[in-house]
Amino acid sequence: MDRLRDAREDFIARNLSAVSRLIFQVIPAPPEGKAFLVGGVVRDIVCLGYGPPDLRDIDLCLEGDVSGWSGLIRARCHVDPVFETRFKTARFWMKSGDRPVHWDIAMARSEFYQHPGSLPIVAPASCLKDLGRRDFSINAMAWPLDGAGCLHGSLIDPFGGRFDISSGLLRVLHARSFQDDPTRIFRGIRLLSRLSFAWETKTQALLDEAVSEKNILFLSGARIRKEFLRGFLEKDPVDVLRRIYLSGLMDSLLPGSVWSESLEASLCETVSVVRAFSDGEPFAPVASSWNFVREWCPGEIFFYLVMLQKLRSEEIDRAMNILGLVGKFGSVIREIILNPIEDSPGWGNPKNLLRHLYRYLLDAGSRHDLVDSPGRIDDRMNFLSSLSLFSGKEAVTPFLRGADLIQLGIPPGRRVGEILRSLGEKAREGRITSRKEAIDWVRTEILRMPAPTTKHESPS
């Protein structure tokens, strides 16, 4: 057992060292001060234990001058870090291969909150002090770096993050954590869903207390909307929303909000429709890749239409304000909810959502100067054209899922999506009418297997 534990320790240390060396191959080392790898990358390496995480978000902490480091990065890497004077942080995006990586460099600091939900007042501090201001023990670990990004000590874990990871628990660092920053409730729920963890007993009690006191209402609508969007972009957004509702958080925001089987079914179907519309890609690109979508109709609109569809007219304005659904984006959502088309079975049916939404976007969008406004016109027309084509099709199931195709022998990748689209077309045309026929078609036409002579079972 000791040898297994030692091997795991060594493996984690080697992965952290490898990631650290990679960091300073991409950006220059700080001209002064000590740097530390912190946050999600450290947590994920310790959680996984079997390989490096998906390095799309790098968090660094510096005991020193962040503005000087960001200036050096600007000169050497030809990027333009956004330096936040108030918090002494620098953020920038940089391409790694064919995908962008988000970098966040923060001054090691202490924080003081004047009242619940307020932005903190910060002061320079040590890395150890900085870890103490963080949300959960599993996010309060650091790996020290030297100028070459090599090992410069050992994992810093002052609050027992590794123990909580091994126990599958999420634990706050101090009793006022949720009062000081209610967004930590959303963040914790996302982590519970992503890691399949549970609240530590005292943390659960502190959460229940914060929810009952409705501290979440101290947050601005813009901050609340940002937290929901982050939940929508999780691998399982429906599970995140389920946890938000069942925690009582949604009822604090919109009294009377309850989780139900029908709501869950509608949201699950919403996810499948949005992913189908984005050619089988994960939901995230819908909100982050298309300029037009990001500007006024991100994929989040589909979630809000389902979540808010039953609001009465006198409730809609308050809901829009609390959730930060303001401006042109909020105006379109408000108009769609308050003016449902007569022959629609309701916005709870996402299969009909896109077909009806196309008409609303053209109509409501033009009234709010969205469709015809100058700039990004190509993005608008490409989006509307794609939506028109997609919304004109009947939403007929292809009878198989991607996992079914992989079990049948199709390698994971783009080919899976292409086959599913072909199956969908054949189902709409009536040439495939059952799951058995879909399996037979894949085996004979794609895998070139002999036509079955006996009845077979579904793939196991």
Protein backbone atom coordinates (compact mmCIF):
# COMPACT_ATOMS: atom_id res chain seq x y z
CA MET A 1 0.00 0.00 0.00
CA ASP A 2 2.86 2.36 0.87
CA ARG A 3 4.54 1.63 -2.46
CA LEU A 4 1.31 2.39 -4.30
CA ARG A 5 0.94 5.66 -2.41
CA ASP A 6 4.57 6.60 -3.09
CA ALA A 7 4.14 5.81 -6.78
CA ARG A 8 1.07 8.02 -6.95
CA GLU A 9 2.93 10.83 -5.15
CA ASP A 10 5.81 10.56 -7.58
CA PHE A 11 3.47 10.51 -10.57
CA ILE A 12 1.63 13.65 -9.41
CA ALA A 13 4.94 15.45 -8.76
CA ARG A 14 6.28 14.52 -12.19
CA ASN A 15 3.10 15.75 -13.88
CA LEU A 16 3.17 19.05 -11.99
CA SER A 17 6.84 19.49 -12.89
CA ALA A 18 6.14 18.70 -16.55
CA VAL A 19 3.34 21.26 -16.72
CA SER A 20 5.53 23.80 -14.92
CA ARG A 21 8.38 23.39 -17.43
CA LEU A 22 5.88 23.78 -20.25
CA ILE A 23 4.62 27.09 -18.82
CA PHE A 24 7.98 28.81 -19.10
CA GLN A 25 8.51 27.43 -22.58
CA VAL A 26 5.45 29.43 -23.59
CA ILE A 27 5.85 32.62 -21.55
CA PRO A 28 8.92 34.24 -19.99
CA ALA A 29 9.60 33.80 -16.28
CA PRO A 30 8.73 36.79 -14.08
CA PRO A 31 11.51 39.41 -13.86
CA GLU A 32 11.18 39.38 -10.07
CA GLY A 33 9.29 37.58 -7.31
CA LYS A 34 8.27 33.96 -6.77
CA ALA A 35 5.70 32.35 -9.06
CA PHE A 36 3.34 29.48 -8.26
CA LEU A 37 1.05 27.27 -10.29
CA VAL A 38 -2.36 27.37 -8.56
CA GLY A 39 -6.03 26.67 -9.09
CA GLY A 40 -7.71 24.17 -11.36
CA VAL A 41 -4.61 22.72 -13.02
CA VAL A 42 -3.11 21.68 -9.66
CA ARG A 43 -6.48 20.38 -8.46
CA ASP A 44 -7.10 18.37 -11.63
CA ILE A 45 -3.67 16.75 -11.64
CA VAL A 46 -4.11 15.70 -8.01
CA CYS A 47 -7.68 14.54 -8.73
CA LEU A 48 -6.84 12.52 -11.80
CA GLY A 49 -3.53 11.09 -10.72
CA TYR A 50 -3.18 9.31 -14.06
CA GLY A 51 -2.19 12.08 -16.42
CA PRO A 52 -2.10 15.83 -17.08
CA PRO A 53 -5.40 17.73 -17.29
CA ASP A 54 -6.85 19.54 -20.25
CA LEU A 55 -4.63 22.63 -20.18
CA ARG A 56 -7.02 25.30 -21.43
CA ASP A 57 -6.99 27.43 -18.28
CA ILE A 58 -3.69 28.29 -16.56
CA ASP A 59 -3.73 30.11 -13.19
CA LEU A 60 -0.50 31.58 -11.81
CA CYS A 61 0.14 33.45 -8.58
CA LEU A 62 3.07 35.86 -8.14
CA GLU A 63 4.63 37.21 -4.99
CA GLY A 64 5.70 40.36 -6.79
CA ASP A 65 4.86 42.88 -9.52
CA VAL A 66 2.24 41.47 -11.92
CA SER A 67 2.25 44.58 -14.12
CA GLY A 68 5.97 44.15 -14.81
CA TRP A 69 5.49 40.49 -15.69
CA SER A 70 2.52 41.25 -17.97
CA GLY A 71 4.62 43.92 -19.75
CA LEU A 72 7.38 41.36 -20.38
CA ILE A 73 4.82 38.85 -21.69
CA ARG A 74 3.39 41.53 -24.00
CA ALA A 75 6.83 42.27 -25.45
CA ARG A 76 8.01 38.66 -25.79
CA CYS A 77 4.81 36.84 -26.77
CA HIS A 78 3.05 39.48 -28.88
CA VAL A 79 -0.15 39.27 -26.86
CA ASP A 80 -1.98 42.06 -25.06
CA PRO A 81 -2.68 41.11 -21.43
CA VAL A 82 -5.57 42.95 -19.80
CA PHE A 83 -4.20 44.31 -16.54
CA GLU A 84 -6.78 44.91 -13.78
CA THR A 85 -5.39 47.65 -11.55
CA ARG A 86 -7.85 47.08 -8.71
CA PHE A 87 -6.99 43.42 -8.20
CA LYS A 88 -3.48 43.41 -9.71
CA THR A 89 -4.31 40.65 -12.18
CA ALA A 90 -3.43 40.11 -15.84
CA ARG A 91 -5.45 37.98 -18.23
CA PHE A 92 -4.79 37.00 -21.82
CA TRP A 93 -5.49 34.34 -24.44
CA MET A 94 -2.78 32.55 -26.37
CA LYS A 95 -3.00 29.87 -29.03
CA SER A 96 -1.64 26.43 -28.15
CA GLY A 97 -1.77 24.33 -31.28
CA ASP A 98 -5.20 24.88 -32.78
CA ARG A 99 -7.01 26.00 -29.63
CA PRO A 100 -6.83 29.03 -27.33
CA VAL A 101 -5.55 28.83 -23.76
CA HIS A 102 -6.66 31.32 -21.12
CA TRP A 103 -3.94 32.60 -18.78
CA ASP A 104 -4.67 34.31 -15.49
CA ILE A 105 -1.82 35.83 -13.46
CA ALA A 106 -2.72 37.25 -10.04
CA MET A 107 -0.79 39.05 -7.36
CA ALA A 108 -0.56 36.98 -4.17
CA ARG A 109 -3.00 38.87 -1.97
CA SER A 110 -5.27 39.01 1.02
CA GLU A 111 -8.92 40.07 0.65
CA PHE A 112 -11.45 41.95 2.74
CA TYR A 113 -15.19 42.08 1.97
CA GLN A 114 -17.07 45.17 3.16
CA HIS A 115 -20.45 43.42 2.84
CA PRO A 116 -21.87 40.21 1.34
CA GLY A 117 -21.61 40.07 -2.42
CA SER A 118 -19.26 43.06 -2.65
CA LEU A 119 -16.04 42.94 -4.62
CA PRO A 120 -13.08 42.51 -2.26
CA ILE A 121 -10.49 45.05 -1.14
CA VAL A 122 -7.06 43.50 -1.76
CA ALA A 123 -3.55 43.91 -0.36
CA PRO A 124 -0.22 42.21 -1.24
CA ALA A 125 0.49 39.03 0.71
CA SER A 126 2.42 35.77 0.60
CA CYS A 127 1.32 32.79 -1.48
CA LEU A 128 0.33 30.98 1.72
CA LYS A 129 -1.91 33.89 2.70
CA ASP A 130 -3.30 33.95 -0.83
CA LEU A 131 -4.32 30.29 -0.63
CA GLY A 132 -6.26 31.10 2.53
CA ARG A 133 -8.53 33.54 0.69
CA ARG A 134 -9.69 30.93 -1.82
CA ASP A 135 -13.02 29.15 -1.96
CA PHE A 136 -12.48 25.42 -1.33
CA SER A 137 -9.65 23.34 0.07
CA ILE A 138 -9.22 21.48 -3.23
CA ASN A 139 -8.57 24.82 -4.95
CA ALA A 140 -6.13 26.00 -2.27
CA MET A 141 -3.04 24.08 -3.36
CA ALA A 142 0.02 25.49 -5.11
CA TRP A 143 3.11 24.24 -6.90
CA PRO A 144 6.17 26.54 -6.60
CA LEU A 145 8.16 27.35 -9.75
CA ASP A 146 11.71 28.46 -10.34
CA GLY A 147 12.96 30.43 -13.33
CA ALA A 148 12.98 27.37 -15.56
CA GLY A 149 9.65 26.08 -14.34
CA CYS A 150 11.28 23.13 -12.63
CA LEU A 151 10.67 21.65 -9.20
CA HIS A 152 11.27 24.24 -6.50
CA GLY A 153 10.02 22.49 -3.41
CA SER A 154 6.92 20.36 -3.04
CA LEU A 155 3.14 20.66 -3.24
CA ILE A 156 1.83 23.36 -0.91
CA ASP A 157 -1.40 22.11 0.68
CA PRO A 158 -2.06 23.98 3.94
CA PHE A 159 -5.80 23.20 4.12
CA GLY A 160 -5.93 19.47 3.42
CA GLY A 161 -7.05 19.66 -0.20
CA ARG A 162 -5.49 16.31 -1.04
CA PHE A 163 -7.31 14.59 1.81
CA ASP A 164 -10.62 16.10 0.70
CA ILE A 165 -9.98 14.93 -2.86
CA SER A 166 -9.35 11.38 -1.67
CA SER A 167 -12.56 11.63 0.41
CA GLY A 168 -14.60 13.10 -2.45
CA LEU A 169 -15.57 16.14 -0.38
CA LEU A 170 -15.94 19.85 -1.10
CA ARG A 171 -15.08 22.00 1.93
CA VAL A 172 -14.93 25.78 2.34
CA LEU A 173 -11.97 27.34 4.14
CA HIS A 174 -13.87 29.56 6.58
CA ALA A 175 -17.36 30.00 7.98
CA ARG A 176 -18.18 33.25 6.12
CA SER A 177 -17.11 31.98 2.72
CA PHE A 178 -20.58 31.87 1.14
CA GLN A 179 -21.61 35.16 2.77
CA ASP A 180 -18.51 36.99 1.54
CA ASP A 181 -18.86 35.72 -2.02
CA PRO A 182 -22.16 34.00 -2.91
CA THR A 183 -20.82 33.09 -6.37
CA ARG A 184 -18.93 30.35 -4.52
CA ILE A 185 -22.24 28.50 -4.23
CA PHE A 186 -22.50 28.31 -8.02
CA ARG A 187 -18.82 27.39 -8.31
CA GLY A 188 -19.18 24.65 -5.73
CA ILE A 189 -22.21 23.17 -7.47
CA ARG A 190 -20.31 23.04 -10.75
CA LEU A 191 -17.44 21.22 -9.03
CA LEU A 192 -19.81 18.76 -7.34
CA SER A 193 -21.31 17.93 -10.72
CA ARG A 194 -18.00 17.73 -12.57
CA LEU A 195 -16.14 15.65 -9.97
CA SER A 196 -19.08 13.70 -8.48
CA PHE A 197 -18.15 15.02 -5.02
CA ALA A 198 -20.37 15.76 -2.02
CA TRP A 199 -20.50 18.71 0.36
CA GLU A 200 -18.53 18.25 3.58
CA THR A 201 -20.98 18.21 6.51
CA LYS A 202 -20.18 21.66 7.96
CA THR A 203 -19.98 23.15 4.48
CA GLN A 204 -23.46 21.80 3.72
CA ALA A 205 -24.78 23.54 6.85
CA LEU A 206 -23.09 26.81 5.87
CA LEU A 207 -24.55 26.51 2.39
CA ASP A 208 -28.07 25.94 3.72
CA GLU A 209 -27.68 28.98 5.97
CA ALA A 210 -26.46 31.20 3.12
CA VAL A 211 -29.30 30.07 0.84
CA SER A 212 -31.92 30.69 3.54
CA GLU A 213 -30.54 34.20 4.11
CA LYS A 214 -30.79 34.87 0.35
CA ASN A 215 -27.31 36.35 0.20
CA ILE A 216 -27.34 35.54 -3.50
CA LEU A 217 -29.55 38.60 -4.04
CA PHE A 218 -26.61 40.85 -3.12
CA LEU A 219 -25.02 39.92 -6.46
CA SER A 220 -25.62 42.00 -9.55
CA GLY A 221 -27.62 40.52 -12.40
CA ALA A 222 -24.52 40.52 -14.60
CA ARG A 223 -22.61 38.34 -12.10
CA ILE A 224 -25.53 35.94 -11.68
CA ARG A 225 -25.94 35.57 -15.44
CA LYS A 226 -22.22 34.84 -15.80
CA GLU A 227 -22.49 32.04 -13.22
CA PHE A 228 -25.44 30.47 -15.04
CA LEU A 229 -23.58 30.65 -18.35
CA ARG A 230 -20.63 28.85 -16.79
CA GLY A 231 -23.04 26.16 -15.65
CA PHE A 232 -24.52 25.86 -19.16
CA LEU A 233 -21.01 25.25 -20.50
CA GLU A 234 -20.34 22.31 -18.18
CA LYS A 235 -20.25 18.79 -19.58
CA ASP A 236 -23.63 18.03 -17.98
CA PRO A 237 -25.46 21.37 -17.71
CA VAL A 238 -28.75 19.70 -16.77
CA ASP A 239 -27.15 18.10 -13.70
CA VAL A 240 -25.74 21.51 -12.71
CA LEU A 241 -29.18 23.10 -13.03
CA ARG A 242 -30.78 20.25 -11.08
CA ARG A 243 -28.38 20.89 -8.21
CA ILE A 244 -29.04 24.65 -8.34
CA TYR A 245 -32.80 24.09 -8.08
CA LEU A 246 -32.61 21.40 -5.39
CA SER A 247 -30.26 23.51 -3.24
CA GLY A 248 -32.99 26.16 -2.98
CA LEU A 249 -30.83 28.70 -4.78
CA MET A 250 -33.24 29.07 -7.69
CA ASP A 251 -36.16 29.67 -5.33
CA SER A 252 -34.13 32.45 -3.68
CA LEU A 253 -33.73 34.11 -7.08
CA LEU A 254 -37.19 33.40 -8.48
CA PRO A 255 -39.65 32.37 -5.74
CA GLY A 256 -41.76 29.38 -6.67
CA SER A 257 -39.13 27.83 -8.95
CA VAL A 258 -39.22 24.05 -8.54
CA TRP A 259 -37.43 21.18 -10.20
CA SER A 260 -39.69 18.72 -12.01
CA GLU A 261 -39.43 15.77 -14.34
CA SER A 262 -40.96 17.79 -17.17
CA LEU A 263 -38.44 20.60 -16.70
CA GLU A 264 -35.58 18.12 -16.64
CA ALA A 265 -36.83 16.41 -19.80
CA SER A 266 -37.18 19.77 -21.58
CA LEU A 267 -33.68 20.85 -20.57
CA CYS A 268 -32.18 17.51 -21.65
CA GLU A 269 -33.83 17.91 -25.03
CA THR A 270 -32.65 21.50 -25.20
CA VAL A 271 -29.04 20.35 -24.80
CA SER A 272 -29.46 17.77 -27.58
CA VAL A 273 -31.03 20.33 -29.91
CA VAL A 274 -28.31 22.93 -29.30
CA ARG A 275 -25.59 20.35 -29.84
CA ALA A 276 -27.27 19.11 -33.01
CA PHE A 277 -27.49 22.66 -34.29
CA SER A 278 -23.74 23.07 -33.68
CA ASP A 279 -22.95 19.93 -35.74
CA GLY A 280 -22.43 17.66 -32.78
CA GLU A 281 -19.79 19.82 -31.13
CA PRO A 282 -19.93 20.47 -27.38
CA PHE A 283 -22.24 23.26 -26.30
CA ALA A 284 -19.40 25.68 -25.48
CA PRO A 285 -18.59 26.77 -29.06
CA VAL A 286 -22.16 27.98 -29.51
CA ALA A 287 -21.55 30.60 -26.86
CA SER A 288 -17.92 31.42 -27.54
CA SER A 289 -17.05 30.92 -31.20
CA TRP A 290 -19.67 32.72 -33.28
CA ASN A 291 -19.43 36.49 -32.97
CA PHE A 292 -23.07 36.94 -33.84
CA VAL A 293 -24.23 34.39 -31.29
CA ARG A 294 -21.99 35.79 -28.59
CA GLU A 295 -23.23 39.29 -29.31
CA TRP A 296 -26.94 38.93 -28.81
CA CYS A 297 -28.20 35.38 -29.03
CA PRO A 298 -25.79 32.98 -27.32
CA GLY A 299 -26.88 29.38 -26.80
CA GLU A 300 -27.99 30.32 -23.31
CA ILE A 301 -31.19 31.74 -24.81
CA PHE A 302 -32.49 28.19 -25.29
CA PHE A 303 -32.04 27.41 -21.59
CA TYR A 304 -33.69 30.62 -20.42
CA LEU A 305 -36.71 30.15 -22.69
CA VAL A 306 -37.32 26.75 -21.08
CA MET A 307 -36.56 27.86 -17.52
CA LEU A 308 -38.70 31.01 -17.66
CA GLN A 309 -41.54 29.97 -19.95
CA LYS A 310 -44.13 29.66 -17.17
CA LEU A 311 -43.56 33.08 -15.64
CA ARG A 312 -46.54 35.39 -15.49
CA SER A 313 -46.30 38.74 -17.22
CA GLU A 314 -45.96 40.59 -13.89
CA GLU A 315 -42.99 38.34 -12.92
CA ILE A 316 -41.00 38.60 -16.11
CA ASP A 317 -39.39 42.01 -15.57
CA ARG A 318 -38.12 41.11 -12.09
CA ALA A 319 -36.72 37.82 -13.40
CA MET A 320 -34.99 39.55 -16.29
CA ASN A 321 -33.35 42.02 -13.92
CA ILE A 322 -32.24 39.42 -11.33
CA LEU A 323 -30.74 37.13 -13.96
CA GLY A 324 -29.03 39.97 -15.81
CA LEU A 325 -31.05 39.42 -18.97
CA VAL A 326 -31.04 43.07 -19.93
CA GLY A 327 -30.54 45.14 -23.06
CA LYS A 328 -31.28 43.76 -26.49
CA PHE A 329 -30.73 40.16 -25.44
CA GLY A 330 -33.26 40.44 -22.62
CA SER A 331 -35.75 42.28 -24.82
CA VAL A 332 -35.85 39.42 -27.32
CA ILE A 333 -36.26 36.78 -24.57
CA ARG A 334 -39.00 38.83 -22.93
CA GLU A 335 -40.89 39.24 -26.19
CA ILE A 336 -40.67 35.54 -27.06
CA ILE A 337 -41.94 34.43 -23.63
CA LEU A 338 -44.79 36.95 -23.45
CA ASN A 339 -45.95 36.40 -27.03
CA PRO A 340 -46.00 32.65 -27.69
CA ILE A 341 -47.29 31.69 -31.11
CA GLU A 342 -50.74 30.17 -31.09
CA ASP A 343 -49.94 26.85 -32.73
CA SER A 344 -46.87 26.16 -30.60
CA PRO A 345 -47.18 23.42 -27.95
CA GLY A 346 -45.02 25.61 -25.71
CA TRP A 347 -41.39 26.50 -25.27
CA GLY A 348 -40.96 23.40 -23.15
CA ASN A 349 -40.74 21.40 -26.38
CA PRO A 350 -37.27 22.14 -27.80
CA LYS A 351 -37.98 20.11 -30.94
CA ASN A 352 -40.28 22.93 -31.97
CA LEU A 353 -38.11 25.63 -30.42
CA LEU A 354 -35.75 26.25 -33.32
CA ARG A 355 -38.46 26.23 -35.97
CA HIS A 356 -40.43 28.90 -34.12
CA LEU A 357 -37.38 30.78 -32.89
CA TYR A 358 -36.25 31.52 -36.43
CA ARG A 359 -39.43 33.48 -37.07
CA TYR A 360 -39.09 35.35 -33.78
CA LEU A 361 -35.44 36.22 -34.35
CA LEU A 362 -36.19 37.81 -37.68
CA ASP A 363 -39.21 39.67 -36.35
CA ALA A 364 -38.20 40.64 -32.82
CA GLY A 365 -34.54 40.98 -33.78
CA SER A 366 -35.27 43.53 -36.47
CA ARG A 367 -37.47 45.56 -34.10
CA HIS A 368 -34.63 45.73 -31.59
CA ASP A 369 -32.04 46.72 -34.23
CA LEU A 370 -30.23 43.42 -34.03
CA VAL A 371 -30.60 41.74 -37.41
CA ASP A 372 -30.12 44.87 -39.52
CA SER A 373 -27.65 46.74 -37.31
CA PRO A 374 -24.25 47.40 -38.91
CA GLY A 375 -21.21 45.22 -38.21
CA ARG A 376 -20.80 41.45 -38.21
CA ILE A 377 -23.43 41.18 -40.91
CA ASP A 378 -21.81 38.05 -42.33
CA ASP A 379 -22.07 36.35 -38.95
CA ARG A 380 -25.73 37.32 -38.69
CA MET A 381 -26.63 36.05 -42.13
CA ASN A 382 -24.68 32.81 -41.73
CA PHE A 383 -26.38 32.17 -38.39
CA LEU A 384 -29.86 32.93 -39.71
CA SER A 385 -29.25 30.83 -42.80
CA SER A 386 -28.13 27.85 -40.72
CA LEU A 387 -31.04 28.30 -38.33
CA SER A 388 -33.48 28.48 -41.22
CA LEU A 389 -32.22 25.22 -42.72
CA PHE A 390 -32.13 23.44 -39.36
CA SER A 391 -35.48 24.74 -38.16
CA GLY A 392 -37.21 23.65 -41.36
CA LYS A 393 -36.41 20.00 -40.73
CA GLU A 394 -38.52 17.69 -38.64
CA ALA A 395 -36.66 16.72 -35.48
CA VAL A 396 -36.70 12.96 -36.07
CA THR A 397 -34.48 10.73 -33.97
CA PRO A 398 -31.78 8.76 -35.86
CA PHE A 399 -32.58 5.85 -33.45
CA LEU A 400 -28.90 5.52 -32.42
CA ARG A 401 -26.54 7.61 -30.30
CA GLY A 402 -22.84 8.22 -30.71
CA ALA A 403 -22.09 5.66 -27.98
CA ASP A 404 -24.06 3.05 -29.94
CA LEU A 405 -21.94 3.66 -33.06
CA ILE A 406 -18.71 3.35 -31.10
CA GLN A 407 -19.91 0.04 -29.63
CA LEU A 408 -20.67 -1.15 -33.16
CA GLY A 409 -17.04 -0.48 -34.14
CA ILE A 410 -17.00 3.10 -35.46
CA PRO A 411 -13.89 4.91 -34.16
CA PRO A 412 -14.63 8.02 -32.05
CA GLY A 413 -14.33 11.26 -33.99
CA ARG A 414 -16.01 13.38 -36.64
CA ARG A 415 -17.13 10.27 -38.55
CA VAL A 416 -19.58 9.47 -35.73
CA GLY A 417 -21.35 12.80 -36.22
CA GLU A 418 -21.47 12.32 -39.99
CA ILE A 419 -23.09 8.90 -39.63
CA LEU A 420 -25.65 10.22 -37.14
CA ARG A 421 -26.60 12.99 -39.55
CA SER A 422 -26.99 10.45 -42.36
CA LEU A 423 -29.18 8.30 -40.13
CA GLY A 424 -31.27 11.36 -39.25
CA GLU A 425 -31.81 12.17 -42.92
CA LYS A 426 -32.86 8.62 -43.70
CA ALA A 427 -35.21 8.62 -40.70
CA ARG A 428 -36.85 11.87 -41.90
CA GLU A 429 -37.23 10.39 -45.37
CA GLY A 430 -38.83 7.27 -43.91
CA ARG A 431 -36.12 4.92 -45.21
CA ILE A 432 -35.15 3.90 -41.65
CA THR A 433 -38.02 3.39 -39.24
CA SER A 434 -36.57 1.52 -36.26
CA ARG A 435 -33.47 1.01 -34.17
CA LYS A 436 -32.95 -2.44 -35.72
CA GLU A 437 -32.99 -0.97 -39.23
CA ALA A 438 -30.52 1.71 -38.15
CA ILE A 439 -28.12 -0.94 -36.77
CA ASP A 440 -28.47 -3.02 -39.92
CA TRP A 441 -27.71 0.00 -42.11
CA VAL A 442 -24.56 0.85 -40.13
CA ARG A 443 -23.34 -2.75 -40.28
CA THR A 444 -23.96 -3.27 -43.98
CA GLU A 445 -23.34 0.19 -45.47
CA ILE A 446 -20.68 1.60 -43.14
CA LEU A 447 -18.89 -1.43 -41.71
CA ARG A 448 -19.50 -3.54 -44.87
CA MET A 449 -20.60 -6.55 -42.84
CA PRO A 450 -22.83 -9.21 -44.45
CA ALA A 451 -26.54 -8.52 -44.19
CA PRO A 452 -27.98 -10.21 -41.06
CA THR A 453 -29.95 -13.40 -41.64
CA THR A 454 -31.25 -13.69 -38.09
CA LYS A 455 -32.64 -11.28 -35.58
CA HIS A 456 -29.93 -9.62 -33.53
CA GLU A 457 -29.86 -7.74 -30.27
CA SER A 458 -29.02 -4.08 -29.78
CA PRO A 459 -25.32 -3.34 -29.19
CA SER A 460 -24.34 -4.01 -25.62
